[in-house]
Amino acid sequence: MKYLLDEQYHLCCYSELDANAYGIGFHIEHVENKSQNPERTFDYSNLAASAIDAQRIGVLKGRQQVVGVTTDLFGGHAPGKQGTVDIQRFVSPHQPDCSRFFSYLSDGRIVPKENLNEWDSERAQYTIDVLNLNSQFLQSERKQWWDELSELFNEHLDNEMDLHSLAKVDLSPVSGKLKSFFSMTRQFFGPIAEDVLRHDQPELL
């Protein structure tokens, strides 16, 4: 688990949630389900760190009840991922270009990126559905983060402050950890994010 989390900058392989910061922990996920391909059970290249630690599912439920959000599991614990997965359609987090399949909206939803061909768009939507990446919890947390970014962005514009410095704070690892929803943050800042990453964090490109 330590190696996986270090490789993933302590973000869930599917949701990009820093699950430890939320108190729900991680579990070791088999990207290709053990039940479908038992031979890859101990194949390191088939493993990833995914939210939620099975022992802490109750913590997530309790947290969601406090904020009035419906409990619905996501990522490796999503009902769709627990069943048979069409691995040809599924976009694996180990796929080097997996980020090109997805886009984020200001209301917190994740959707297939607009410029995809029909097959890739279908793959993206299939993966979103299988992993329940638009669970009410994730959508709520992403929207909250988007709103915070928007507020900070506008404050910096109003005060003629450096937007590159703001992006650098939100996109740079601290003690080997990234903030939750890195890809959404990167999309939010657009060309500014690409400049920051090329200059300061090329390994994250």
Protein backbone atom coordinates (compact mmCIF):
# COMPACT_ATOMS: atom_id res chain seq x y z
CA MET A 1 0.00 0.00 0.00
CA LYS A 2 2.82 2.41 0.85
CA TYR A 3 4.41 1.97 -2.56
CA LEU A 4 1.08 2.41 -4.33
CA LEU A 5 0.18 5.57 -2.41
CA ASP A 6 3.62 7.05 -3.02
CA GLU A 7 3.26 6.37 -6.76
CA GLN A 8 -0.22 7.92 -6.78
CA TYR A 9 0.71 10.96 -4.66
CA HIS A 10 -1.79 9.67 -2.07
CA LEU A 11 -4.83 10.04 -4.34
CA CYS A 12 -7.43 7.38 -5.14
CA CYS A 13 -6.68 5.80 -8.51
CA TYR A 14 -10.28 6.34 -9.68
CA SER A 15 -11.74 9.38 -7.90
CA GLU A 16 -8.51 11.31 -7.14
CA LEU A 17 -9.77 11.74 -3.59
CA ASP A 18 -7.22 11.99 -0.78
CA ALA A 19 -9.15 9.36 1.14
CA ASN A 20 -6.98 9.57 4.24
CA ALA A 21 -7.77 13.28 4.56
CA TYR A 22 -11.45 12.30 4.66
CA GLY A 23 -10.83 9.59 7.25
CA ILE A 24 -12.08 6.81 4.99
CA GLY A 25 -8.73 5.27 4.06
CA PHE A 26 -7.70 3.16 1.09
CA HIS A 27 -7.81 -0.45 0.01
CA ILE A 28 -5.64 -2.30 -2.49
CA GLU A 29 -7.70 -2.50 -5.65
CA HIS A 30 -7.42 -5.06 -8.46
CA VAL A 31 -8.03 -2.98 -11.58
CA GLU A 32 -8.88 -6.17 -13.44
CA ASN A 33 -11.11 -8.00 -10.97
CA LYS A 34 -9.68 -11.11 -9.29
CA SER A 35 -12.85 -13.01 -10.13
CA GLN A 36 -12.37 -12.30 -13.83
CA ASN A 37 -8.63 -12.90 -14.03
CA PRO A 38 -7.32 -14.78 -10.96
CA GLU A 39 -3.87 -15.06 -12.54
CA ARG A 40 -3.36 -11.31 -12.00
CA THR A 41 -4.21 -11.41 -8.29
CA PHE A 42 -0.58 -10.78 -7.27
CA ASP A 43 0.45 -8.91 -10.42
CA TYR A 44 1.71 -5.54 -9.15
CA SER A 45 0.84 -3.89 -12.47
CA ASN A 46 -2.81 -4.79 -11.78
CA LEU A 47 -2.87 -3.18 -8.33
CA ALA A 48 -3.75 0.36 -7.28
CA ALA A 49 -4.74 2.24 -4.14
CA SER A 50 -8.44 3.05 -4.15
CA ALA A 51 -10.74 4.71 -1.63
CA ILE A 52 -12.31 3.27 0.69
CA ASP A 53 -10.87 0.99 3.39
CA ALA A 54 -13.58 -1.67 3.81
CA GLN A 55 -13.35 -1.29 7.59
CA ARG A 56 -14.15 2.42 7.30
CA ILE A 57 -17.19 2.35 5.04
CA GLY A 58 -19.20 3.24 8.13
CA VAL A 59 -17.12 6.42 8.53
CA LEU A 60 -18.13 7.52 5.03
CA LYS A 61 -21.78 6.77 5.74
CA GLY A 62 -21.64 8.73 8.97
CA ARG A 63 -19.94 11.67 7.28
CA GLN A 64 -22.52 11.72 4.51
CA GLN A 65 -25.43 11.60 6.92
CA VAL A 66 -24.05 14.64 8.76
CA VAL A 67 -23.89 16.73 5.58
CA GLY A 68 -27.15 15.34 4.22
CA VAL A 69 -25.64 13.49 1.28
CA THR A 70 -26.90 10.09 0.17
CA THR A 71 -24.52 7.20 0.84
CA ASP A 72 -23.46 5.60 -2.42
CA LEU A 73 -20.18 3.75 -2.77
CA PHE A 74 -17.78 4.58 -5.56
CA GLY A 75 -14.50 3.41 -7.07
CA GLY A 76 -13.46 -0.13 -6.27
CA HIS A 77 -16.45 -0.57 -3.93
CA ALA A 78 -19.02 0.63 -6.49
CA PRO A 79 -21.65 -2.02 -7.29
CA GLY A 80 -20.69 -1.86 -10.97
CA LYS A 81 -17.04 -2.61 -10.21
CA GLN A 82 -18.00 -5.50 -7.92
CA GLY A 83 -19.65 -7.28 -10.86
CA THR A 84 -18.26 -8.32 -14.23
CA VAL A 85 -16.40 -5.48 -15.95
CA ASP A 86 -15.91 -5.26 -19.72
CA ILE A 87 -12.16 -4.66 -19.63
CA GLN A 88 -12.13 -3.61 -23.31
CA ARG A 89 -14.47 -0.72 -22.55
CA PHE A 90 -13.10 0.12 -19.11
CA VAL A 91 -10.59 3.00 -18.98
CA SER A 92 -7.88 1.79 -16.62
CA PRO A 93 -6.05 4.30 -14.40
CA HIS A 94 -2.88 2.52 -15.53
CA GLN A 95 -3.56 3.63 -19.11
CA PRO A 96 -1.00 6.43 -19.71
CA ASP A 97 -3.51 8.69 -21.49
CA CYS A 98 -6.52 7.94 -19.27
CA SER A 99 -6.98 11.62 -18.39
CA ARG A 100 -7.87 12.47 -21.98
CA PHE A 101 -11.19 10.65 -21.62
CA PHE A 102 -12.71 12.88 -18.94
CA SER A 103 -13.79 16.44 -18.31
CA TYR A 104 -15.14 18.21 -15.23
CA LEU A 105 -18.08 20.59 -14.90
CA SER A 106 -18.60 23.40 -12.42
CA ASP A 107 -21.50 21.51 -10.82
CA GLY A 108 -19.08 18.76 -9.78
CA ARG A 109 -19.91 16.20 -12.44
CA ILE A 110 -17.37 14.24 -14.44
CA VAL A 111 -18.31 13.64 -18.09
CA PRO A 112 -16.71 12.26 -21.27
CA LYS A 113 -14.51 14.88 -22.91
CA GLU A 114 -16.16 16.59 -25.87
CA ASN A 115 -13.52 15.91 -28.52
CA LEU A 116 -13.60 12.10 -28.18
CA ASN A 117 -14.68 9.81 -30.98
CA GLU A 118 -17.83 7.75 -30.45
CA TRP A 119 -16.02 4.66 -29.14
CA ASP A 120 -13.84 6.58 -26.68
CA SER A 121 -16.82 8.62 -25.48
CA GLU A 122 -18.72 5.40 -24.83
CA ARG A 123 -15.73 3.98 -22.95
CA ALA A 124 -15.53 7.10 -20.79
CA GLN A 125 -19.23 6.99 -19.90
CA TYR A 126 -19.05 3.26 -19.20
CA THR A 127 -16.14 3.82 -16.80
CA ILE A 128 -17.92 6.69 -15.04
CA ASP A 129 -20.99 4.50 -14.58
CA VAL A 130 -19.11 1.36 -13.47
CA LEU A 131 -17.15 3.30 -10.84
CA ASN A 132 -20.07 5.54 -9.84
CA LEU A 133 -17.81 8.57 -10.25
CA ASN A 134 -20.82 10.87 -10.15
CA SER A 135 -21.90 9.63 -6.75
CA GLN A 136 -23.63 12.37 -4.82
CA PHE A 137 -20.73 12.48 -2.39
CA LEU A 138 -18.04 12.93 -5.05
CA GLN A 139 -20.10 15.41 -7.03
CA SER A 140 -20.71 17.47 -3.89
CA GLU A 141 -17.02 17.47 -2.93
CA ARG A 142 -15.88 18.37 -6.44
CA LYS A 143 -18.39 21.22 -6.68
CA GLN A 144 -17.24 22.58 -3.34
CA TRP A 145 -13.62 22.52 -4.50
CA TRP A 146 -14.53 24.12 -7.86
CA ASP A 147 -16.36 26.92 -6.02
CA GLU A 148 -13.33 27.49 -3.77
CA LEU A 149 -11.04 27.66 -6.78
CA SER A 150 -13.38 30.12 -8.52
CA GLU A 151 -13.46 32.37 -5.48
CA LEU A 152 -9.66 32.37 -5.12
CA PHE A 153 -9.21 32.89 -8.86
CA ASN A 154 -11.50 35.92 -8.88
CA GLU A 155 -9.84 37.38 -5.78
CA HIS A 156 -6.47 37.12 -7.48
CA LEU A 157 -7.82 38.79 -10.62
CA ASP A 158 -9.43 41.61 -8.63
CA ASN A 159 -6.22 42.23 -6.69
CA GLU A 160 -3.94 41.77 -9.71
CA MET A 161 -2.17 38.89 -8.00
CA ASP A 162 -0.16 36.19 -9.79
CA LEU A 163 -2.40 33.35 -11.00
CA HIS A 164 0.59 31.13 -11.71
CA SER A 165 1.51 31.24 -8.02
CA LEU A 166 -2.04 30.29 -7.07
CA ALA A 167 -2.02 27.36 -9.51
CA LYS A 168 1.37 26.24 -8.24
CA VAL A 169 0.02 26.01 -4.68
CA ASP A 170 -2.91 23.83 -5.76
CA LEU A 171 -1.02 21.62 -8.22
CA SER A 172 2.26 20.92 -6.43
CA PRO A 173 2.85 17.94 -4.12
CA VAL A 174 3.54 18.66 -0.46
CA SER A 175 5.52 15.88 1.26
CA GLY A 176 4.71 13.65 -1.71
CA LYS A 177 0.96 14.31 -1.56
CA LEU A 178 -1.32 16.12 -3.99
CA LYS A 179 -4.58 17.81 -3.10
CA SER A 180 -7.77 15.94 -4.01
CA PHE A 181 -9.09 16.27 -7.57
CA PHE A 182 -5.79 17.11 -9.24
CA SER A 183 -7.13 16.61 -12.79
CA MET A 184 -10.09 18.91 -12.17
CA THR A 185 -7.75 21.58 -10.75
CA ARG A 186 -5.50 21.20 -13.77
CA GLN A 187 -8.46 21.63 -16.10
CA PHE A 188 -9.72 24.64 -14.13
CA PHE A 189 -6.45 26.54 -14.56
CA GLY A 190 -6.05 25.47 -18.20
CA PRO A 191 -2.94 26.90 -19.93
CA ILE A 192 -1.74 28.37 -16.63
CA ALA A 193 -1.64 24.87 -15.13
CA GLU A 194 0.27 23.51 -18.11
CA ASP A 195 2.87 26.28 -17.76
CA VAL A 196 3.26 25.60 -14.04
CA LEU A 197 3.59 21.85 -14.50
CA ARG A 198 6.07 22.13 -17.36
CA HIS A 199 8.22 24.49 -15.32
CA ASP A 200 7.93 23.02 -11.82
CA GLN A 201 6.40 19.52 -11.94
CA PRO A 202 7.11 17.96 -15.37
CA GLU A 203 6.71 14.46 -13.88
CA LEU A 204 3.00 15.21 -13.43
CA LEU A 205 2.38 15.97 -17.11
